[in-house]
Amino acid sequence: MAIITASPLTYNKGELTQLLDIARNAIQDHFSDHSIDAPRLEHYTRKMQQPGACFVTLEVNNELQGSMGTPFPSRPLVIEVHNKAIASAYEDRRFMPLSEEQLDDLTIEVEVLSPLEPLEIDSHQALVEYLRHHRVGVMLTDRQTQAIILPSRWKKGVTPEQFVQQLKQKAGWAPHYWSPTMVVKTFTTSSLKEKYAKIRSKYF
């Protein structure tokens, strides 16, 4: 069953399903004789043609297989989803490229980010306390180093302390590192997650 997480961006299920179609077709292109071009903007709503921030995450048998995205809108959302689906499947250096044999066990999640909102937080513990009541995504920036974790991480059952420590680990900081120059931003997402085999494709 698909999992939907709402956000203030109000992308509806139909729009999110279209984004999953785009991601699936981009991945399928690697194994198909068909040439799947980048999405044509005129086929989508004006909202989906606007620059959008998104992440595409792939799992095989419930294990992470790739995740790529951007928190900063720069390209039309439908183009960004297409590009990030390809990057997640074949360019995430943490994993071997996705193989055709893995497709039957593949799950795709598309997450569209809300605008980043600055949060006045002055310590590690204050951020942990905030997250006890707000299950949001967080981006930490200190000078030239940045790390981000999406709201979907909460579905893994992490505690607020674990969430923040995982952020620090991604940035290469000590678990309780903090700095007077630390910048905290939060965000929500509109997301849809589905098995690859269940996502509609124009070729199947």
C-alpha atoms as a PDB file:
ATOM      1  CA  MET A   1       0.000   0.000   0.000  1.00  0.00           C
ATOM      2  CA  ALA A   2       1.256   3.483  -0.836  1.00  0.00           C
ATOM      3  CA  ILE A   3       2.332   5.723   2.037  1.00  0.00           C
ATOM      4  CA  ILE A   4       1.459   9.422   1.749  1.00  0.00           C
ATOM      5  CA  THR A   5       2.871  12.155   3.945  1.00  0.00           C
ATOM      6  CA  ALA A   6       1.246  15.563   3.563  1.00  0.00           C
ATOM      7  CA  SER A   7       3.025  18.912   3.677  1.00  0.00           C
ATOM      8  CA  PRO A   8       2.019  22.571   3.271  1.00  0.00           C
ATOM      9  CA  LEU A   9       2.934  22.302  -0.423  1.00  0.00           C
ATOM     10  CA  THR A  10      -0.341  20.410  -0.960  1.00  0.00           C
ATOM     11  CA  TYR A  11       0.788  18.119  -3.741  1.00  0.00           C
ATOM     12  CA  ASN A  12      -2.144  15.774  -4.170  1.00  0.00           C
ATOM     13  CA  LYS A  13      -2.001  12.022  -4.696  1.00  0.00           C
ATOM     14  CA  GLY A  14      -2.485  12.386  -8.437  1.00  0.00           C
ATOM     15  CA  GLU A  15       0.491  14.733  -8.771  1.00  0.00           C
ATOM     16  CA  LEU A  16       2.673  12.551  -6.553  1.00  0.00           C
ATOM     17  CA  THR A  17       1.684   9.496  -8.586  1.00  0.00           C
ATOM     18  CA  GLN A  18       2.784  11.322 -11.735  1.00  0.00           C
ATOM     19  CA  LEU A  19       6.146  12.008 -10.098  1.00  0.00           C
ATOM     20  CA  LEU A  20       6.506   8.307  -9.279  1.00  0.00           C
ATOM     21  CA  ASP A  21       5.713   7.519 -12.932  1.00  0.00           C
ATOM     22  CA  ILE A  22       8.528   9.852 -13.965  1.00  0.00           C
ATOM     23  CA  ALA A  23      10.978   8.220 -11.550  1.00  0.00           C
ATOM     24  CA  ARG A  24      10.035   4.703 -12.645  1.00  0.00           C
ATOM     25  CA  ASN A  25      10.352   5.486 -16.347  1.00  0.00           C
ATOM     26  CA  ALA A  26      13.735   7.130 -15.807  1.00  0.00           C
ATOM     27  CA  ILE A  27      15.008   3.978 -14.075  1.00  0.00           C
ATOM     28  CA  GLN A  28      13.383   1.641 -16.612  1.00  0.00           C
ATOM     29  CA  ASP A  29      15.137   3.446 -19.471  1.00  0.00           C
ATOM     30  CA  HIS A  30      18.432   1.904 -18.386  1.00  0.00           C
ATOM     31  CA  PHE A  31      17.126  -1.614 -19.071  1.00  0.00           C
ATOM     32  CA  SER A  32      14.777  -0.924 -21.983  1.00  0.00           C
ATOM     33  CA  ASP A  33      15.110  -0.702 -25.739  1.00  0.00           C
ATOM     34  CA  HIS A  34      12.779   2.288 -25.558  1.00  0.00           C
ATOM     35  CA  SER A  35      14.231   5.766 -25.306  1.00  0.00           C
ATOM     36  CA  ILE A  36      12.528   7.645 -22.478  1.00  0.00           C
ATOM     37  CA  ASP A  37      13.070  11.351 -22.874  1.00  0.00           C
ATOM     38  CA  ALA A  38      12.994  13.862 -20.046  1.00  0.00           C
ATOM     39  CA  PRO A  39       9.426  14.853 -19.118  1.00  0.00           C
ATOM     40  CA  ARG A  40       7.730  17.434 -21.330  1.00  0.00           C
ATOM     41  CA  LEU A  41       6.629  20.307 -19.151  1.00  0.00           C
ATOM     42  CA  GLU A  42       3.391  20.941 -21.024  1.00  0.00           C
ATOM     43  CA  HIS A  43       2.083  17.537 -19.887  1.00  0.00           C
ATOM     44  CA  TYR A  44       2.034  18.616 -16.238  1.00  0.00           C
ATOM     45  CA  THR A  45       0.332  21.176 -14.033  1.00  0.00           C
ATOM     46  CA  ARG A  46       1.830  24.630 -13.719  1.00  0.00           C
ATOM     47  CA  LYS A  47       2.805  23.850 -10.126  1.00  0.00           C
ATOM     48  CA  MET A  48       4.807  20.809 -11.255  1.00  0.00           C
ATOM     49  CA  GLN A  49       6.541  22.913 -13.907  1.00  0.00           C
ATOM     50  CA  GLN A  50       7.914  25.282 -11.271  1.00  0.00           C
ATOM     51  CA  PRO A  51      11.380  24.808  -9.738  1.00  0.00           C
ATOM     52  CA  GLY A  52      11.146  22.239  -6.970  1.00  0.00           C
ATOM     53  CA  ALA A  53      13.362  20.657  -4.328  1.00  0.00           C
ATOM     54  CA  CYS A  54      13.084  16.887  -4.062  1.00  0.00           C
ATOM     55  CA  PHE A  55      14.735  13.609  -3.128  1.00  0.00           C
ATOM     56  CA  VAL A  56      14.265  10.203  -4.743  1.00  0.00           C
ATOM     57  CA  THR A  57      15.030   7.247  -2.470  1.00  0.00           C
ATOM     58  CA  LEU A  58      15.313   3.616  -3.555  1.00  0.00           C
ATOM     59  CA  GLU A  59      15.071   0.527  -1.357  1.00  0.00           C
ATOM     60  CA  VAL A  60      15.552  -3.131  -2.272  1.00  0.00           C
ATOM     61  CA  ASN A  61      13.984  -5.569   0.192  1.00  0.00           C
ATOM     62  CA  ASN A  62      13.561  -2.644   2.619  1.00  0.00           C
ATOM     63  CA  GLU A  63      17.294  -1.850   2.521  1.00  0.00           C
ATOM     64  CA  LEU A  64      18.558   1.478   1.201  1.00  0.00           C
ATOM     65  CA  GLN A  65      19.830   1.199  -2.378  1.00  0.00           C
ATOM     66  CA  GLY A  66      20.277   4.868  -3.271  1.00  0.00           C
ATOM     67  CA  SER A  67      19.063   8.348  -2.392  1.00  0.00           C
ATOM     68  CA  MET A  68      19.821  11.563  -4.226  1.00  0.00           C
ATOM     69  CA  GLY A  69      18.218  14.976  -4.221  1.00  0.00           C
ATOM     70  CA  THR A  70      18.508  18.662  -3.535  1.00  0.00           C
ATOM     71  CA  PRO A  71      16.955  20.947  -0.895  1.00  0.00           C
ATOM     72  CA  PHE A  72      17.290  23.946  -3.216  1.00  0.00           C
ATOM     73  CA  PRO A  73      14.834  24.483  -6.101  1.00  0.00           C
ATOM     74  CA  SER A  74      16.629  25.211  -9.360  1.00  0.00           C
ATOM     75  CA  ARG A  75      14.965  23.142 -12.124  1.00  0.00           C
ATOM     76  CA  PRO A  76      11.331  22.316 -12.912  1.00  0.00           C
ATOM     77  CA  LEU A  77      10.144  19.733 -10.391  1.00  0.00           C
ATOM     78  CA  VAL A  78       9.345  17.081 -13.001  1.00  0.00           C
ATOM     79  CA  ILE A  79      12.841  17.430 -14.498  1.00  0.00           C
ATOM     80  CA  GLU A  80      14.444  17.306 -11.054  1.00  0.00           C
ATOM     81  CA  VAL A  81      12.603  14.085 -10.164  1.00  0.00           C
ATOM     82  CA  HIS A  82      13.669  12.515 -13.476  1.00  0.00           C
ATOM     83  CA  ASN A  83      17.312  13.456 -12.916  1.00  0.00           C
ATOM     84  CA  LYS A  84      17.405  12.414  -9.268  1.00  0.00           C
ATOM     85  CA  ALA A  85      15.816   9.033 -10.016  1.00  0.00           C
ATOM     86  CA  ILE A  86      18.638   8.284 -12.451  1.00  0.00           C
ATOM     87  CA  ALA A  87      21.225   9.543  -9.974  1.00  0.00           C
ATOM     88  CA  SER A  88      19.776   7.440  -7.138  1.00  0.00           C
ATOM     89  CA  ALA A  89      19.781   4.273  -9.229  1.00  0.00           C
ATOM     90  CA  TYR A  90      23.144   4.573 -10.937  1.00  0.00           C
ATOM     91  CA  GLU A  91      25.240   7.386  -9.447  1.00  0.00           C
ATOM     92  CA  ASP A  92      25.028   7.030  -5.645  1.00  0.00           C
ATOM     93  CA  ARG A  93      28.614   6.010  -4.873  1.00  0.00           C
ATOM     94  CA  ARG A  94      27.631   4.334  -1.612  1.00  0.00           C
ATOM     95  CA  PHE A  95      26.039   1.491  -3.588  1.00  0.00           C
ATOM     96  CA  MET A  96      26.569  -0.636  -6.650  1.00  0.00           C
ATOM     97  CA  PRO A  97      24.398   0.537  -9.570  1.00  0.00           C
ATOM     98  CA  LEU A  98      20.892  -0.881  -9.545  1.00  0.00           C
ATOM     99  CA  SER A  99      20.612  -4.140 -11.491  1.00  0.00           C
ATOM    100  CA  GLU A 100      17.666  -5.439 -13.494  1.00  0.00           C
ATOM    101  CA  GLU A 101      17.446  -8.430 -11.141  1.00  0.00           C
ATOM    102  CA  GLN A 102      16.652  -6.047  -8.261  1.00  0.00           C
ATOM    103  CA  LEU A 103      13.618  -4.441  -9.912  1.00  0.00           C
ATOM    104  CA  ASP A 104      11.078  -6.946  -8.547  1.00  0.00           C
ATOM    105  CA  ASP A 105      12.110  -6.016  -4.993  1.00  0.00           C
ATOM    106  CA  LEU A 106      12.550  -2.288  -5.619  1.00  0.00           C
ATOM    107  CA  THR A 107      10.564   0.429  -3.838  1.00  0.00           C
ATOM    108  CA  ILE A 108      10.674   4.069  -4.955  1.00  0.00           C
ATOM    109  CA  GLU A 109       9.889   7.065  -2.762  1.00  0.00           C
ATOM    110  CA  VAL A 110       9.612  10.615  -4.079  1.00  0.00           C
ATOM    111  CA  GLU A 111       9.711  13.420  -1.510  1.00  0.00           C
ATOM    112  CA  VAL A 112       9.007  17.027  -2.478  1.00  0.00           C
ATOM    113  CA  LEU A 113      10.396  19.493   0.039  1.00  0.00           C
ATOM    114  CA  SER A 114       8.709  22.557   1.457  1.00  0.00           C
ATOM    115  CA  PRO A 115      10.773  25.764   1.637  1.00  0.00           C
ATOM    116  CA  LEU A 116      13.514  25.616   4.269  1.00  0.00           C
ATOM    117  CA  GLU A 117      12.580  27.524   7.427  1.00  0.00           C
ATOM    118  CA  PRO A 118      15.295  28.947   9.744  1.00  0.00           C
ATOM    119  CA  LEU A 119      15.009  27.752  13.338  1.00  0.00           C
ATOM    120  CA  GLU A 120      16.526  29.649  16.260  1.00  0.00           C
ATOM    121  CA  ILE A 121      18.319  26.884  18.167  1.00  0.00           C
ATOM    122  CA  ASP A 122      21.451  27.418  20.251  1.00  0.00           C
ATOM    123  CA  SER A 123      22.480  23.929  21.383  1.00  0.00           C
ATOM    124  CA  HIS A 124      22.420  20.230  20.608  1.00  0.00           C
ATOM    125  CA  GLN A 125      20.003  19.550  23.450  1.00  0.00           C
ATOM    126  CA  ALA A 126      17.650  22.346  22.394  1.00  0.00           C
ATOM    127  CA  LEU A 127      17.389  20.787  18.933  1.00  0.00           C
ATOM    128  CA  VAL A 128      16.690  17.362  20.424  1.00  0.00           C
ATOM    129  CA  GLU A 129      13.931  18.857  22.592  1.00  0.00           C
ATOM    130  CA  TYR A 130      12.391  20.646  19.612  1.00  0.00           C
ATOM    131  CA  LEU A 131      12.279  17.390  17.651  1.00  0.00           C
ATOM    132  CA  ARG A 132      10.413  15.640  20.450  1.00  0.00           C
ATOM    133  CA  HIS A 133       7.389  17.683  19.371  1.00  0.00           C
ATOM    134  CA  HIS A 134       8.099  18.360  15.677  1.00  0.00           C
ATOM    135  CA  ARG A 135       8.806  15.404  13.379  1.00  0.00           C
ATOM    136  CA  VAL A 136      10.303  17.429  10.549  1.00  0.00           C
ATOM    137  CA  GLY A 137      13.322  17.229   8.282  1.00  0.00           C
ATOM    138  CA  VAL A 138      16.430  19.128   9.359  1.00  0.00           C
ATOM    139  CA  MET A 139      19.399  20.676   7.583  1.00  0.00           C
ATOM    140  CA  LEU A 140      22.441  21.722   9.622  1.00  0.00           C
ATOM    141  CA  THR A 141      25.078  24.058   8.215  1.00  0.00           C
ATOM    142  CA  ASP A 142      28.293  25.170   9.883  1.00  0.00           C
ATOM    143  CA  ARG A 143      30.662  27.175   7.723  1.00  0.00           C
ATOM    144  CA  GLN A 144      31.299  25.006   4.636  1.00  0.00           C
ATOM    145  CA  THR A 145      29.819  21.770   6.008  1.00  0.00           C
ATOM    146  CA  GLN A 146      26.196  20.765   5.575  1.00  0.00           C
ATOM    147  CA  ALA A 147      24.053  17.731   6.349  1.00  0.00           C
ATOM    148  CA  ILE A 148      20.380  16.969   5.802  1.00  0.00           C
ATOM    149  CA  ILE A 149      17.982  14.235   6.921  1.00  0.00           C
ATOM    150  CA  LEU A 150      14.480  13.892   5.506  1.00  0.00           C
ATOM    151  CA  PRO A 151      11.292  13.525   7.587  1.00  0.00           C
ATOM    152  CA  SER A 152      10.928   9.959   6.287  1.00  0.00           C
ATOM    153  CA  ARG A 153      13.732   8.957   8.676  1.00  0.00           C
ATOM    154  CA  TRP A 154      11.187   9.145  11.499  1.00  0.00           C
ATOM    155  CA  LYS A 155       9.417   6.136   9.964  1.00  0.00           C
ATOM    156  CA  LYS A 156      12.483   4.065  10.905  1.00  0.00           C
ATOM    157  CA  GLY A 157      11.649   4.507  14.592  1.00  0.00           C
ATOM    158  CA  VAL A 158      14.608   6.724  15.496  1.00  0.00           C
ATOM    159  CA  THR A 159      14.530   8.859  18.634  1.00  0.00           C
ATOM    160  CA  PRO A 160      15.160  12.628  18.474  1.00  0.00           C
ATOM    161  CA  GLU A 161      18.632  12.049  19.959  1.00  0.00           C
ATOM    162  CA  GLN A 162      19.430   9.430  17.310  1.00  0.00           C
ATOM    163  CA  PHE A 163      18.079  11.694  14.564  1.00  0.00           C
ATOM    164  CA  VAL A 164      20.394  14.547  15.554  1.00  0.00           C
ATOM    165  CA  GLN A 165      23.390  12.271  16.045  1.00  0.00           C
ATOM    166  CA  GLN A 166      22.839  10.771  12.584  1.00  0.00           C
ATOM    167  CA  LEU A 167      22.828  14.303  11.172  1.00  0.00           C
ATOM    168  CA  LYS A 168      26.132  14.998  12.911  1.00  0.00           C
ATOM    169  CA  GLN A 169      27.569  11.732  11.613  1.00  0.00           C
ATOM    170  CA  LYS A 170      26.645  12.657   8.028  1.00  0.00           C
ATOM    171  CA  ALA A 171      28.466  15.963   8.464  1.00  0.00           C
ATOM    172  CA  GLY A 172      31.512  14.298  10.000  1.00  0.00           C
ATOM    173  CA  TRP A 173      31.022  15.962  13.383  1.00  0.00           C
ATOM    174  CA  ALA A 174      31.219  14.467  16.866  1.00  0.00           C
ATOM    175  CA  PRO A 175      27.826  13.282  18.230  1.00  0.00           C
ATOM    176  CA  HIS A 176      27.314  16.332  20.482  1.00  0.00           C
ATOM    177  CA  TYR A 177      29.205  18.900  18.403  1.00  0.00           C
ATOM    178  CA  TRP A 178      27.763  22.418  18.352  1.00  0.00           C
ATOM    179  CA  SER A 179      29.075  25.773  17.197  1.00  0.00           C
ATOM    180  CA  PRO A 180      28.004  29.418  17.585  1.00  0.00           C
ATOM    181  CA  THR A 181      27.901  29.568  13.777  1.00  0.00           C
ATOM    182  CA  MET A 182      25.582  26.559  13.397  1.00  0.00           C
ATOM    183  CA  VAL A 183      22.538  27.264  11.202  1.00  0.00           C
ATOM    184  CA  VAL A 184      19.449  25.080  11.615  1.00  0.00           C
ATOM    185  CA  LYS A 185      16.690  24.876   9.015  1.00  0.00           C
ATOM    186  CA  THR A 186      13.613  22.658   9.036  1.00  0.00           C
ATOM    187  CA  PHE A 187      11.196  21.482   6.370  1.00  0.00           C
ATOM    188  CA  THR A 188       8.358  19.093   5.657  1.00  0.00           C
ATOM    189  CA  THR A 189       7.657  16.977   2.593  1.00  0.00           C
ATOM    190  CA  SER A 190       4.885  15.722   0.376  1.00  0.00           C
ATOM    191  CA  SER A 191       5.810  12.131  -0.381  1.00  0.00           C
ATOM    192  CA  LEU A 192       4.599   8.953  -1.996  1.00  0.00           C
ATOM    193  CA  LYS A 193       6.217   5.527  -1.761  1.00  0.00           C
ATOM    194  CA  GLU A 194       5.362   2.498  -3.871  1.00  0.00           C
ATOM    195  CA  LYS A 195       6.747  -0.772  -5.199  1.00  0.00           C
ATOM    196  CA  TYR A 196       8.361  -0.401  -8.615  1.00  0.00           C
ATOM    197  CA  ALA A 197       6.200  -3.173 -10.064  1.00  0.00           C
ATOM    198  CA  LYS A 198       2.983  -1.399  -9.018  1.00  0.00           C
ATOM    199  CA  ILE A 199       3.808   1.990 -10.494  1.00  0.00           C
ATOM    200  CA  ARG A 200       2.096   2.621 -13.811  1.00  0.00           C
ATOM    201  CA  SER A 201       4.412   2.795 -16.803  1.00  0.00           C
ATOM    202  CA  LYS A 202       3.561   3.785 -20.356  1.00  0.00           C
ATOM    203  CA  TYR A 203       5.355   0.670 -21.571  1.00  0.00           C
ATOM    204  CA  PHE A 204       3.609  -1.913 -19.363  1.00  0.00           C
END
